PDB file of N, CA and C in Angstrom:
ATOM      1  N   UNK A   1       8.664  25.311 -10.932  1.00  0.00           N
ATOM      2  CA  UNK A   1       9.901  24.898 -10.155  1.00  0.00           C
ATOM      3  C   UNK A   1      10.754  23.886 -10.733  1.00  0.00           C
ATOM      4  N   UNK A   2      10.115  22.787 -10.996  1.00  0.00           N
ATOM      5  CA  UNK A   2      11.022  21.567 -11.755  1.00  0.00           C
ATOM      6  C   UNK A   2      11.806  22.018 -13.087  1.00  0.00           C
ATOM      7  N   UNK A   3      10.992  22.896 -13.886  1.00  0.00           N
ATOM      8  CA  UNK A   3      11.663  23.183 -15.134  1.00  0.00           C
ATOM      9  C   UNK A   3      12.709  24.067 -14.921  1.00  0.00           C
ATOM     10  N   UNK A   4      12.556  25.195 -13.949  1.00  0.00           N
ATOM     11  CA  UNK A   4      13.700  25.970 -13.685  1.00  0.00           C
ATOM     12  C   UNK A   4      14.687  25.374 -13.057  1.00  0.00           C
ATOM     13  N   UNK A   5      14.661  24.356 -12.124  1.00  0.00           N
ATOM     14  CA  UNK A   5      15.871  23.549 -11.670  1.00  0.00           C
ATOM     15  C   UNK A   5      16.452  22.851 -12.850  1.00  0.00           C
ATOM     16  N   UNK A   6      15.857  22.197 -13.823  1.00  0.00           N
ATOM     17  CA  UNK A   6      16.524  21.563 -14.813  1.00  0.00           C
ATOM     18  C   UNK A   6      17.177  22.389 -15.687  1.00  0.00           C
ATOM     19  N   UNK A   7      16.567  23.562 -15.953  1.00  0.00           N
ATOM     20  CA  UNK A   7      17.266  24.713 -16.967  1.00  0.00           C
ATOM     21  C   UNK A   7      18.752  25.134 -16.114  1.00  0.00           C
ATOM     22  N   UNK A   8      18.591  25.175 -14.879  1.00  0.00           N
ATOM     23  CA  UNK A   8      19.825  25.555 -14.069  1.00  0.00           C
ATOM     24  C   UNK A   8      20.695  24.415 -14.087  1.00  0.00           C
ATOM     25  N   UNK A   9      20.242  23.181 -13.891  1.00  0.00           N
ATOM     26  CA  UNK A   9      21.344  22.273 -14.120  1.00  0.00           C
ATOM     27  C   UNK A   9      22.009  22.079 -15.570  1.00  0.00           C
ATOM     28  N   UNK A  10      21.036  22.411 -16.596  1.00  0.00           N
ATOM     29  CA  UNK A  10      21.655  22.502 -17.918  1.00  0.00           C
ATOM     30  C   UNK A  10      22.776  23.646 -17.954  1.00  0.00           C
ATOM     31  N   UNK A  11      22.339  24.720 -17.692  1.00  0.00           N
ATOM     32  CA  UNK A  11      23.319  25.856 -17.532  1.00  0.00           C
ATOM     33  C   UNK A  11      24.552  25.817 -16.941  1.00  0.00           C
ATOM     34  N   UNK A  12      24.613  25.062 -15.946  1.00  0.00           N
ATOM     35  CA  UNK A  12      25.804  24.966 -15.192  1.00  0.00           C
ATOM     36  C   UNK A  12      26.770  23.945 -15.990  1.00  0.00           C
ATOM     37  N   UNK A  13      26.315  23.023 -16.790  1.00  0.00           N
ATOM     38  CA  UNK A  13      27.101  22.043 -17.361  1.00  0.00           C
ATOM     39  C   UNK A  13      27.130  22.467 -18.953  1.00  0.00           C
ATOM     40  N   UNK A  14      26.681  23.311 -19.361  1.00  0.00           N
ATOM     41  CA  UNK A  14      26.545  23.604 -21.057  1.00  0.00           C
ATOM     42  C   UNK A  14      27.902  24.442 -21.210  1.00  0.00           C
ATOM     43  N   UNK A  15      28.319  24.083 -22.243  1.00  0.00           N
ATOM     44  CA  UNK A  15      29.569  24.835 -22.734  1.00  0.00           C
ATOM     45  C   UNK A  15      29.105  26.229 -23.821  1.00  0.00           C
ATOM     46  N   UNK A  16      29.542  27.354 -23.459  1.00  0.00           N
ATOM     47  CA  UNK A  16      29.046  28.493 -24.424  1.00  0.00           C
ATOM     48  C   UNK A  16      29.478  28.111 -25.778  1.00  0.00           C
ATOM     49  N   UNK A  17      28.625  28.571 -26.622  1.00  0.00           N
ATOM     50  CA  UNK A  17      28.895  28.428 -28.010  1.00  0.00           C
ATOM     51  C   UNK A  17      28.739  27.022 -28.883  1.00  0.00           C
ATOM     52  N   UNK A  18      28.611  25.906 -27.961  1.00  0.00           N
ATOM     53  CA  UNK A  18      28.208  24.571 -28.489  1.00  0.00           C
ATOM     54  C   UNK A  18      26.727  24.254 -28.398  1.00  0.00           C
ATOM     55  N   UNK A  19      26.281  23.677 -29.510  1.00  0.00           N
ATOM     56  CA  UNK A  19      24.853  23.360 -29.785  1.00  0.00           C
ATOM     57  C   UNK A  19      24.587  22.436 -28.488  1.00  0.00           C
ATOM     58  N   UNK A  20      23.188  22.490 -28.073  1.00  0.00           N
ATOM     59  CA  UNK A  20      22.785  21.560 -27.204  1.00  0.00           C
ATOM     60  C   UNK A  20      21.533  20.988 -27.660  1.00  0.00           C
ATOM     61  N   UNK A  21      21.752  19.453 -27.318  1.00  0.00           N
ATOM     62  CA  UNK A  21      20.933  18.529 -27.812  1.00  0.00           C
ATOM     63  C   UNK A  21      19.482  18.685 -27.349  1.00  0.00           C
ATOM     64  N   UNK A  22      18.610  18.375 -28.277  1.00  0.00           N
ATOM     65  CA  UNK A  22      16.998  18.356 -27.811  1.00  0.00           C
ATOM     66  C   UNK A  22      16.539  17.737 -26.823  1.00  0.00           C
ATOM     67  N   UNK A  23      17.452  16.519 -26.338  1.00  0.00           N
ATOM     68  CA  UNK A  23      16.876  15.819 -25.192  1.00  0.00           C
ATOM     69  C   UNK A  23      17.999  15.527 -24.114  1.00  0.00           C
ATOM     70  N   UNK A  24      18.389  16.628 -23.447  1.00  0.00           N
ATOM     71  CA  UNK A  24      19.685  16.483 -22.714  1.00  0.00           C
ATOM     72  C   UNK A  24      19.117  15.826 -21.540  1.00  0.00           C
ATOM     73  N   UNK A  25      20.126  15.092 -20.886  1.00  0.00           N
ATOM     74  CA  UNK A  25      19.976  14.310 -19.545  1.00  0.00           C
ATOM     75  C   UNK A  25      19.508  15.345 -18.574  1.00  0.00           C
ATOM     76  N   UNK A  26      20.030  16.379 -18.437  1.00  0.00           N
ATOM     77  CA  UNK A  26      19.675  17.192 -17.380  1.00  0.00           C
ATOM     78  C   UNK A  26      18.252  17.798 -17.321  1.00  0.00           C
ATOM     79  N   UNK A  27      17.612  17.860 -18.424  1.00  0.00           N
ATOM     80  CA  UNK A  27      16.181  18.665 -18.463  1.00  0.00           C
ATOM     81  C   UNK A  27      15.120  17.201 -18.455  1.00  0.00           C
ATOM     82  N   UNK A  28      15.352  16.003 -18.260  1.00  0.00           N
ATOM     83  CA  UNK A  28      14.656  14.771 -18.351  1.00  0.00           C
ATOM     84  C   UNK A  28      13.900  14.750 -17.216  1.00  0.00           C
ATOM     85  N   UNK A  29      12.570  14.410 -17.442  1.00  0.00           N
ATOM     86  CA  UNK A  29      11.801  14.132 -16.086  1.00  0.00           C
ATOM     87  C   UNK A  29      11.516  12.778 -15.972  1.00  0.00           C
ATOM     88  N   UNK A  30      11.988  11.833 -14.732  1.00  0.00           N
ATOM     89  CA  UNK A  30      11.484  10.610 -14.363  1.00  0.00           C
ATOM     90  C   UNK A  30       9.995  10.241 -14.833  1.00  0.00           C
ATOM     91  N   UNK A  31       9.702   9.210 -15.495  1.00  0.00           N
ATOM     92  CA  UNK A  31       8.299   8.780 -15.554  1.00  0.00           C
ATOM     93  C   UNK A  31       8.185   7.478 -14.892  1.00  0.00           C
ATOM     94  N   UNK A  32       7.004   7.109 -14.365  1.00  0.00           N
ATOM     95  CA  UNK A  32       6.953   5.835 -13.750  1.00  0.00           C
ATOM     96  C   UNK A  32       6.781   4.910 -14.901  1.00  0.00           C
ATOM     97  N   UNK A  33       7.352   3.702 -14.487  1.00  0.00           N
ATOM     98  CA  UNK A  33       7.250   2.553 -15.322  1.00  0.00           C
ATOM     99  C   UNK A  33       5.639   1.931 -15.563  1.00  0.00           C
ATOM    100  N   UNK A  34       5.461   1.643 -16.737  1.00  0.00           N
ATOM    101  CA  UNK A  34       4.273   1.085 -16.936  1.00  0.00           C
ATOM    102  C   UNK A  34       3.874  -0.040 -16.059  1.00  0.00           C
ATOM    103  N   UNK A  35       4.469  -0.970 -15.971  1.00  0.00           N
ATOM    104  CA  UNK A  35       4.445  -2.185 -15.022  1.00  0.00           C
ATOM    105  C   UNK A  35       3.773  -1.785 -13.629  1.00  0.00           C
ATOM    106  N   UNK A  36       4.378  -0.435 -13.266  1.00  0.00           N
ATOM    107  CA  UNK A  36       3.938  -0.219 -11.828  1.00  0.00           C
ATOM    108  C   UNK A  36       2.570   0.431 -11.822  1.00  0.00           C
ATOM    109  N   UNK A  37       2.271   1.104 -12.824  1.00  0.00           N
ATOM    110  CA  UNK A  37       0.973   1.618 -13.012  1.00  0.00           C
ATOM    111  C   UNK A  37      -0.028   0.719 -13.047  1.00  0.00           C
ATOM    112  N   UNK A  38       0.259  -0.325 -13.843  1.00  0.00           N
ATOM    113  CA  UNK A  38      -0.715  -1.356 -14.227  1.00  0.00           C
ATOM    114  C   UNK A  38      -1.089  -2.005 -12.795  1.00  0.00           C
ATOM    115  N   UNK A  39       0.301  -2.522 -12.206  1.00  0.00           N
ATOM    116  CA  UNK A  39      -0.040  -3.244 -10.920  1.00  0.00           C
ATOM    117  C   UNK A  39      -0.818  -2.494 -10.242  1.00  0.00           C
ATOM    118  N   UNK A  40      -0.723  -1.289  -9.683  1.00  0.00           N
ATOM    119  CA  UNK A  40      -1.587  -0.320  -9.146  1.00  0.00           C
ATOM    120  C   UNK A  40      -3.042  -0.494  -9.261  1.00  0.00           C
ATOM    121  N   UNK A  41      -3.106  -0.328 -10.506  1.00  0.00           N
ATOM    122  CA  UNK A  41      -4.544  -0.193 -10.923  1.00  0.00           C
ATOM    123  C   UNK A  41      -5.230  -1.705 -10.853  1.00  0.00           C
ATOM    124  N   UNK A  42      -4.472  -2.879 -10.997  1.00  0.00           N
ATOM    125  CA  UNK A  42      -5.000  -4.099 -10.744  1.00  0.00           C
ATOM    126  C   UNK A  42      -5.266  -4.346  -9.515  1.00  0.00           C
ATOM    127  N   UNK A  43      -4.108  -4.079  -8.463  1.00  0.00           N
ATOM    128  CA  UNK A  43      -4.553  -4.180  -7.173  1.00  0.00           C
ATOM    129  C   UNK A  43      -5.763  -3.422  -6.545  1.00  0.00           C
ATOM    130  N   UNK A  44      -6.113  -2.363  -7.108  1.00  0.00           N
ATOM    131  CA  UNK A  44      -7.224  -1.669  -6.678  1.00  0.00           C
ATOM    132  C   UNK A  44      -8.653  -2.338  -7.277  1.00  0.00           C
ATOM    133  N   UNK A  45      -8.399  -3.007  -8.460  1.00  0.00           N
ATOM    134  CA  UNK A  45      -9.537  -3.647  -8.954  1.00  0.00           C
ATOM    135  C   UNK A  45      -9.815  -4.890  -8.361  1.00  0.00           C
ATOM    136  N   UNK A  46      -8.884  -5.586  -7.704  1.00  0.00           N
ATOM    137  CA  UNK A  46      -9.076  -7.060  -7.281  1.00  0.00           C
ATOM    138  C   UNK A  46      -9.519  -6.765  -5.763  1.00  0.00           C
ATOM    139  N   UNK A  47      -9.579  -5.818  -5.041  1.00  0.00           N
ATOM    140  CA  UNK A  47     -10.046  -5.786  -3.642  1.00  0.00           C
ATOM    141  C   UNK A  47     -11.613  -5.626  -4.010  1.00  0.00           C
ATOM    142  N   UNK A  48     -12.366  -6.366  -3.074  1.00  0.00           N
ATOM    143  CA  UNK A  48     -13.778  -6.684  -3.015  1.00  0.00           C
ATOM    144  C   UNK A  48     -14.222  -5.744  -1.866  1.00  0.00           C
ATOM    145  N   UNK A  49     -15.475  -5.247  -2.318  1.00  0.00           N
ATOM    146  CA  UNK A  49     -15.969  -4.197  -1.308  1.00  0.00           C
ATOM    147  C   UNK A  49     -16.814  -5.085  -0.616  1.00  0.00           C
ATOM    148  N   UNK A  50     -16.815  -4.612   0.678  1.00  0.00           N
ATOM    149  CA  UNK A  50     -17.704  -5.555   1.680  1.00  0.00           C
ATOM    150  C   UNK A  50     -17.940  -4.805   2.932  1.00  0.00           C
ATOM    151  N   UNK A  51     -19.288  -4.664   3.364  1.00  0.00           N
ATOM    152  CA  UNK A  51     -19.581  -4.180   4.616  1.00  0.00           C
ATOM    153  C   UNK A  51     -18.717  -4.473   5.637  1.00  0.00           C
ATOM    154  N   UNK A  52     -18.395  -5.766   5.762  1.00  0.00           N
ATOM    155  CA  UNK A  52     -17.770  -6.434   6.944  1.00  0.00           C
ATOM    156  C   UNK A  52     -16.334  -5.756   7.073  1.00  0.00           C
ATOM    157  N   UNK A  53     -15.742  -5.507   5.629  1.00  0.00           N
ATOM    158  CA  UNK A  53     -14.419  -5.079   5.821  1.00  0.00           C
ATOM    159  C   UNK A  53     -14.506  -3.468   5.952  1.00  0.00           C
ATOM    160  N   UNK A  54     -15.525  -2.943   5.713  1.00  0.00           N
ATOM    161  CA  UNK A  54     -15.525  -1.399   6.210  1.00  0.00           C
ATOM    162  C   UNK A  54     -15.862  -1.420   7.424  1.00  0.00           C
ATOM    163  N   UNK A  55     -16.511  -2.435   8.177  1.00  0.00           N
ATOM    164  CA  UNK A  55     -16.752  -2.204   9.424  1.00  0.00           C
ATOM    165  C   UNK A  55     -15.686  -2.518  10.430  1.00  0.00           C
ATOM    166  N   UNK A  56     -14.820  -3.434   9.870  1.00  0.00           N
ATOM    167  CA  UNK A  56     -13.543  -3.873  10.432  1.00  0.00           C
ATOM    168  C   UNK A  56     -12.598  -2.521  10.478  1.00  0.00           C
ATOM    169  N   UNK A  57     -12.661  -1.838   9.401  1.00  0.00           N
ATOM    170  CA  UNK A  57     -11.380  -0.773   9.240  1.00  0.00           C
ATOM    171  C   UNK A  57     -12.108   0.370  10.219  1.00  0.00           C
ATOM    172  N   UNK A  58     -13.401   0.571  10.317  1.00  0.00           N
ATOM    173  CA  UNK A  58     -13.665   1.802  11.226  1.00  0.00           C
ATOM    174  C   UNK A  58     -13.540   1.307  12.776  1.00  0.00           C
ATOM    175  N   UNK A  59     -13.780   0.052  13.016  1.00  0.00           N
ATOM    176  CA  UNK A  59     -13.805  -0.481  14.511  1.00  0.00           C
ATOM    177  C   UNK A  59     -12.352  -0.746  14.585  1.00  0.00           C
ATOM    178  N   UNK A  60     -11.071  -0.868  14.028  1.00  0.00           N
ATOM    179  CA  UNK A  60     -10.132  -1.722  14.339  1.00  0.00           C
ATOM    180  C   UNK A  60      -9.396  -0.995  15.680  1.00  0.00           C
ATOM    181  N   UNK A  61      -9.418   0.258  15.643  1.00  0.00           N
ATOM    182  CA  UNK A  61      -8.495   0.784  16.654  1.00  0.00           C
ATOM    183  C   UNK A  61      -9.392   0.708  18.029  1.00  0.00           C
ATOM    184  N   UNK A  62     -10.601   0.821  17.909  1.00  0.00           N
ATOM    185  CA  UNK A  62     -11.355   0.403  19.186  1.00  0.00           C
ATOM    186  C   UNK A  62     -11.265  -0.695  19.753  1.00  0.00           C
ATOM    187  N   UNK A  63     -11.195  -2.048  19.043  1.00  0.00           N
ATOM    188  CA  UNK A  63     -11.169  -3.344  19.168  1.00  0.00           C
ATOM    189  C   UNK A  63      -9.786  -3.748  19.632  1.00  0.00           C
ATOM    190  N   UNK A  64      -8.766  -3.359  18.692  1.00  0.00           N
ATOM    191  CA  UNK A  64      -7.533  -3.813  18.912  1.00  0.00           C
ATOM    192  C   UNK A  64      -6.660  -2.662  19.049  1.00  0.00           C
ATOM    193  N   UNK A  65      -6.458  -1.778  20.143  1.00  0.00           N
ATOM    194  CA  UNK A  65      -5.570  -0.607  20.645  1.00  0.00           C
ATOM    195  C   UNK A  65      -4.094  -1.243  20.451  1.00  0.00           C
ATOM    196  N   UNK A  66      -3.114  -0.342  19.993  1.00  0.00           N
ATOM    197  CA  UNK A  66      -2.021  -0.742  20.124  1.00  0.00           C
ATOM    198  C   UNK A  66      -1.567  -1.867  19.528  1.00  0.00           C
ATOM    199  N   UNK A  67      -2.200  -2.629  18.501  1.00  0.00           N
ATOM    200  CA  UNK A  67      -1.811  -3.990  17.807  1.00  0.00           C
ATOM    201  C   UNK A  67      -0.829  -3.286  16.524  1.00  0.00           C
ATOM    202  N   UNK A  68       0.058  -3.742  16.098  1.00  0.00           N
ATOM    203  CA  UNK A  68       0.756  -3.531  15.072  1.00  0.00           C
ATOM    204  C   UNK A  68       0.178  -3.738  13.771  1.00  0.00           C
ATOM    205  N   UNK A  69      -0.505  -4.500  13.566  1.00  0.00           N
ATOM    206  CA  UNK A  69      -1.400  -5.061  12.311  1.00  0.00           C
ATOM    207  C   UNK A  69      -2.517  -4.202  11.887  1.00  0.00           C
ATOM    208  N   UNK A  70      -2.642  -3.823  10.718  1.00  0.00           N
ATOM    209  CA  UNK A  70      -3.835  -3.022  10.181  1.00  0.00           C
ATOM    210  C   UNK A  70      -4.528  -3.919   9.182  1.00  0.00           C
ATOM    211  N   UNK A  71      -5.710  -3.652   8.971  1.00  0.00           N
ATOM    212  CA  UNK A  71      -6.660  -4.238   8.239  1.00  0.00           C
ATOM    213  C   UNK A  71      -6.278  -3.775   6.760  1.00  0.00           C
ATOM    214  N   UNK A  72      -5.748  -4.788   5.749  1.00  0.00           N
ATOM    215  CA  UNK A  72      -5.239  -4.677   4.630  1.00  0.00           C
ATOM    216  C   UNK A  72      -6.128  -4.859   3.340  1.00  0.00           C
ATOM    217  N   UNK A  73      -6.812  -6.185   3.397  1.00  0.00           N
ATOM    218  CA  UNK A  73      -7.665  -6.180   2.245  1.00  0.00           C
ATOM    219  C   UNK A  73      -8.593  -7.460   2.594  1.00  0.00           C
ATOM    220  N   UNK A  74      -9.702  -7.493   2.048  1.00  0.00           N
ATOM    221  CA  UNK A  74     -10.603  -8.564   2.031  1.00  0.00           C
ATOM    222  C   UNK A  74     -10.739  -9.349   0.712  1.00  0.00           C
ATOM    223  N   UNK A  75     -10.411 -10.681   0.542  1.00  0.00           N
ATOM    224  CA  UNK A  75     -10.348 -11.069  -0.702  1.00  0.00           C
ATOM    225  C   UNK A  75     -10.836 -12.521  -0.520  1.00  0.00           C
ATOM    226  N   UNK A  76     -11.909 -13.248  -1.248  1.00  0.00           N
ATOM    227  CA  UNK A  76     -12.460 -14.389  -1.251  1.00  0.00           C
ATOM    228  C   UNK A  76     -12.653 -15.021   0.216  1.00  0.00           C
ATOM    229  N   UNK A  77     -13.271 -14.108   1.029  1.00  0.00           N
ATOM    230  CA  UNK A  77     -13.595 -14.911   2.345  1.00  0.00           C
ATOM    231  C   UNK A  77     -12.364 -14.767   3.420  1.00  0.00           C
ATOM    232  N   UNK A  78     -11.558 -14.163   2.722  1.00  0.00           N
ATOM    233  CA  UNK A  78      -9.921 -13.902   3.735  1.00  0.00           C
ATOM    234  C   UNK A  78      -9.681 -12.558   4.178  1.00  0.00           C
ATOM    235  N   UNK A  79      -9.488 -12.395   5.011  1.00  0.00           N
ATOM    236  CA  UNK A  79      -8.972 -11.206   5.863  1.00  0.00           C
ATOM    237  C   UNK A  79      -7.660 -11.075   5.743  1.00  0.00           C
ATOM    238  N   UNK A  80      -6.598 -10.149   5.141  1.00  0.00           N
ATOM    239  CA  UNK A  80      -5.266 -10.104   5.358  1.00  0.00           C
ATOM    240  C   UNK A  80      -5.169  -8.565   6.288  1.00  0.00           C
ATOM    241  N   UNK A  81      -4.291  -8.993   7.197  1.00  0.00           N
ATOM    242  CA  UNK A  81      -3.935  -7.914   7.841  1.00  0.00           C
ATOM    243  C   UNK A  81      -2.307  -7.483   7.632  1.00  0.00           C
ATOM    244  N   UNK A  82      -2.144  -6.275   7.556  1.00  0.00           N
ATOM    245  CA  UNK A  82      -0.777  -6.012   6.912  1.00  0.00           C
ATOM    246  C   UNK A  82       0.134  -5.658   8.278  1.00  0.00           C
ATOM    247  N   UNK A  83       1.261  -6.096   8.481  1.00  0.00           N
ATOM    248  CA  UNK A  83       2.308  -5.887   9.557  1.00  0.00           C
ATOM    249  C   UNK A  83       3.456  -5.402   8.489  1.00  0.00           C
ATOM    250  N   UNK A  84       4.339  -4.720   9.526  1.00  0.00           N
ATOM    251  CA  UNK A  84       5.727  -3.987   8.687  1.00  0.00           C
ATOM    252  C   UNK A  84       6.856  -5.027   8.619  1.00  0.00           C
ATOM    253  N   UNK A  85       6.956  -5.758   9.698  1.00  0.00           N
ATOM    254  CA  UNK A  85       8.188  -6.742   9.703  1.00  0.00           C
ATOM    255  C   UNK A  85       7.733  -8.117  10.012  1.00  0.00           C
ATOM    256  N   UNK A  86       8.699  -9.001   9.740  1.00  0.00           N
ATOM    257  CA  UNK A  86       8.543 -10.444   9.952  1.00  0.00           C
ATOM    258  C   UNK A  86       8.511 -10.764  11.488  1.00  0.00           C
ATOM    259  N   UNK A  87       9.058 -10.015  12.427  1.00  0.00           N
ATOM    260  CA  UNK A  87       9.000 -10.103  13.807  1.00  0.00           C
ATOM    261  C   UNK A  87       7.622  -9.758  14.305  1.00  0.00           C
ATOM    262  N   UNK A  88       6.830  -8.710  13.736  1.00  0.00           N
ATOM    263  CA  UNK A  88       5.587  -8.435  14.100  1.00  0.00           C
ATOM    264  C   UNK A  88       4.699  -9.558  13.656  1.00  0.00           C
ATOM    265  N   UNK A  89       4.908 -10.143  12.628  1.00  0.00           N
ATOM    266  CA  UNK A  89       4.045 -11.373  11.979  1.00  0.00           C
ATOM    267  C   UNK A  89       4.231 -12.190  12.878  1.00  0.00           C
ATOM    268  N   UNK A  90       5.555 -12.673  13.219  1.00  0.00           N
ATOM    269  CA  UNK A  90       5.599 -13.811  14.067  1.00  0.00           C
ATOM    270  C   UNK A  90       5.010 -13.689  15.525  1.00  0.00           C
ATOM    271  N   UNK A  91       5.174 -12.581  16.049  1.00  0.00           N
ATOM    272  CA  UNK A  91       4.556 -12.306  17.386  1.00  0.00           C
ATOM    273  C   UNK A  91       3.073 -12.295  17.202  1.00  0.00           C
ATOM    274  N   UNK A  92       2.149 -12.013  16.068  1.00  0.00           N
ATOM    275  CA  UNK A  92       0.987 -12.101  16.232  1.00  0.00           C
ATOM    276  C   UNK A  92      -0.012 -12.968  15.648  1.00  0.00           C
ATOM    277  N   UNK A  93       1.126 -14.103  15.259  1.00  0.00           N
ATOM    278  CA  UNK A  93       0.430 -15.311  14.861  1.00  0.00           C
ATOM    279  C   UNK A  93      -0.491 -16.224  15.914  1.00  0.00           C
ATOM    280  N   UNK A  94      -0.224 -16.028  17.117  1.00  0.00           N
ATOM    281  CA  UNK A  94      -0.847 -16.817  18.163  1.00  0.00           C
ATOM    282  C   UNK A  94      -1.845 -15.884  18.706  1.00  0.00           C
ATOM    283  N   UNK A  95      -2.006 -14.687  18.269  1.00  0.00           N
ATOM    284  CA  UNK A  95      -3.164 -13.792  18.708  1.00  0.00           C
ATOM    285  C   UNK A  95      -4.091 -14.018  17.339  1.00  0.00           C
ATOM    286  N   UNK A  96      -4.119 -14.305  16.355  1.00  0.00           N
ATOM    287  CA  UNK A  96      -5.081 -14.747  15.384  1.00  0.00           C
ATOM    288  C   UNK A  96      -6.422 -15.263  15.685  1.00  0.00           C
ATOM    289  N   UNK A  97      -6.390 -16.337  16.416  1.00  0.00           N
ATOM    290  CA  UNK A  97      -7.685 -16.814  16.724  1.00  0.00           C
ATOM    291  C   UNK A  97      -8.539 -15.846  17.507  1.00  0.00           C
ATOM    292  N   UNK A  98      -7.871 -15.400  18.603  1.00  0.00           N
ATOM    293  CA  UNK A  98      -8.507 -14.321  19.380  1.00  0.00           C
ATOM    294  C   UNK A  98      -9.180 -13.180  18.377  1.00  0.00           C
ATOM    295  N   UNK A  99      -8.293 -12.694  17.547  1.00  0.00           N
ATOM    296  CA  UNK A  99      -8.755 -11.845  16.442  1.00  0.00           C
ATOM    297  C   UNK A  99      -9.805 -11.956  15.836  1.00  0.00           C
ATOM    298  N   UNK A 100      -9.911 -13.322  15.426  1.00  0.00           N
ATOM    299  CA  UNK A 100     -10.966 -13.860  14.482  1.00  0.00           C
ATOM    300  C   UNK A 100     -12.390 -14.069  15.443  1.00  0.00           C
ATOM    301  N   UNK A 101     -12.134 -14.345  16.377  1.00  0.00           N
ATOM    302  CA  UNK A 101     -13.209 -14.593  17.266  1.00  0.00           C
ATOM    303  C   UNK A 101     -13.997 -13.075  17.762  1.00  0.00           C
ATOM    304  N   UNK A 102     -13.139 -11.979  17.963  1.00  0.00           N
ATOM    305  CA  UNK A 102     -13.661 -10.853  18.154  1.00  0.00           C
ATOM    306  C   UNK A 102     -14.458 -10.341  16.799  1.00  0.00           C
ATOM    307  N   UNK A 103     -13.740 -10.511  15.509  1.00  0.00           N
ATOM    308  CA  UNK A 103     -14.306  -9.966  14.409  1.00  0.00           C
ATOM    309  C   UNK A 103     -15.668 -10.639  14.149  1.00  0.00           C
ATOM    310  N   UNK A 104     -15.653 -11.912  14.556  1.00  0.00           N
ATOM    311  CA  UNK A 104     -16.864 -12.611  14.142  1.00  0.00           C
ATOM    312  C   UNK A 104     -18.131 -12.163  15.038  1.00  0.00           C
ATOM    313  N   UNK A 105     -17.846 -11.373  15.982  1.00  0.00           N
ATOM    314  CA  UNK A 105     -19.035 -10.747  16.627  1.00  0.00           C
ATOM    315  C   UNK A 105     -19.635  -9.622  15.776  1.00  0.00           C
ATOM    316  N   UNK A 106     -18.915  -9.117  14.997  1.00  0.00           N
ATOM    317  CA  UNK A 106     -19.578  -7.882  14.105  1.00  0.00           C
ATOM    318  C   UNK A 106     -20.775  -8.266  13.696  1.00  0.00           C
ATOM    319  N   UNK A 107     -21.423  -7.248  13.386  1.00  0.00           N
ATOM    320  CA  UNK A 107     -22.967  -7.597  12.730  1.00  0.00           C
ATOM    321  C   UNK A 107     -22.876  -7.960  11.222  1.00  0.00           C
ATOM    322  N   UNK A 108     -21.966  -7.421  10.618  1.00  0.00           N
ATOM    323  CA  UNK A 108     -21.674  -7.929   9.112  1.00  0.00           C
ATOM    324  C   UNK A 108     -21.028  -9.032   8.819  1.00  0.00           C
ATOM    325  N   UNK A 109     -20.665  -9.870   9.703  1.00  0.00           N
ATOM    326  CA  UNK A 109     -19.485 -10.784   9.625  1.00  0.00           C
ATOM    327  C   UNK A 109     -19.956 -11.897   8.997  1.00  0.00           C
ATOM    328  N   UNK A 110     -19.448 -12.879   7.918  1.00  0.00           N
ATOM    329  CA  UNK A 110     -19.997 -13.690   7.396  1.00  0.00           C
ATOM    330  C   UNK A 110     -19.897 -14.991   8.468  1.00  0.00           C
ATOM    331  N   UNK A 111     -20.643 -15.957   7.872  1.00  0.00           N
ATOM    332  CA  UNK A 111     -20.375 -17.286   8.752  1.00  0.00           C
ATOM    333  C   UNK A 111     -18.838 -17.998   8.834  1.00  0.00           C
ATOM    334  N   UNK A 112     -18.370 -18.002   7.684  1.00  0.00           N
ATOM    335  CA  UNK A 112     -17.067 -18.547   7.555  1.00  0.00           C
ATOM    336  C   UNK A 112     -16.112 -17.367   6.820  1.00  0.00           C
ATOM    337  N   UNK A 113     -14.949 -17.441   7.615  1.00  0.00           N
ATOM    338  CA  UNK A 113     -13.775 -16.384   6.944  1.00  0.00           C
ATOM    339  C   UNK A 113     -12.498 -16.750   7.766  1.00  0.00           C
ATOM    340  N   UNK A 114     -11.386 -16.456   7.144  1.00  0.00           N
ATOM    341  CA  UNK A 114     -10.212 -16.652   7.913  1.00  0.00           C
ATOM    342  C   UNK A 114      -9.432 -15.214   7.764  1.00  0.00           C
ATOM    343  N   UNK A 115      -8.367 -15.386   8.912  1.00  0.00           N
ATOM    344  CA  UNK A 115      -7.515 -14.281   9.099  1.00  0.00           C
ATOM    345  C   UNK A 115      -6.118 -14.633   8.774  1.00  0.00           C
ATOM    346  N   UNK A 116      -5.477 -13.784   7.916  1.00  0.00           N
ATOM    347  CA  UNK A 116      -3.915 -14.139   7.525  1.00  0.00           C
ATOM    348  C   UNK A 116      -3.344 -12.602   7.797  1.00  0.00           C
ATOM    349  N   UNK A 117      -1.921 -12.966   7.919  1.00  0.00           N
ATOM    350  CA  UNK A 117      -0.899 -11.932   8.228  1.00  0.00           C
ATOM    351  C   UNK A 117      -0.051 -11.698   6.848  1.00  0.00           C
ATOM    352  N   UNK A 118       0.215 -10.357   6.453  1.00  0.00           N
ATOM    353  CA  UNK A 118       1.178 -10.200   5.199  1.00  0.00           C
ATOM    354  C   UNK A 118       1.963  -9.162   5.812  1.00  0.00           C
ATOM    355  N   UNK A 119       3.167  -9.187   5.106  1.00  0.00           N
ATOM    356  CA  UNK A 119       4.288  -8.020   5.304  1.00  0.00           C
ATOM    357  C   UNK A 119       4.022  -7.238   4.407  1.00  0.00           C
ATOM    358  N   UNK A 120       3.768  -5.831   4.627  1.00  0.00           N
ATOM    359  CA  UNK A 120       4.023  -4.606   3.775  1.00  0.00           C
ATOM    360  C   UNK A 120       4.566  -3.650   4.062  1.00  0.00           C
TER     361      UNK A 120
END
């Protein structure tokens, strides 16, 4: 489908009788930038696997229904919750101690950890 659409774009702009370049703009396919690929791979490699974080992800909706924050990542004893806007971040700051207290009751919870908010 993609190639057919590219050939149709080329045919609509080509002048009959004139040669066509081997790498015409109309048939080019955008490729992702290498920096974006590497950033995505590094982000996945930096996330720690943790039974505590797995438990948070499975129990989040039950413990905190309707809250706009979602578990984002667990890194170096810090839990990062992702929100979409700065307004949500500001409104949830006061609830962080209660969230931490609830999460500390989980069976896999470490003795010391902190909870942070990030916009994503």
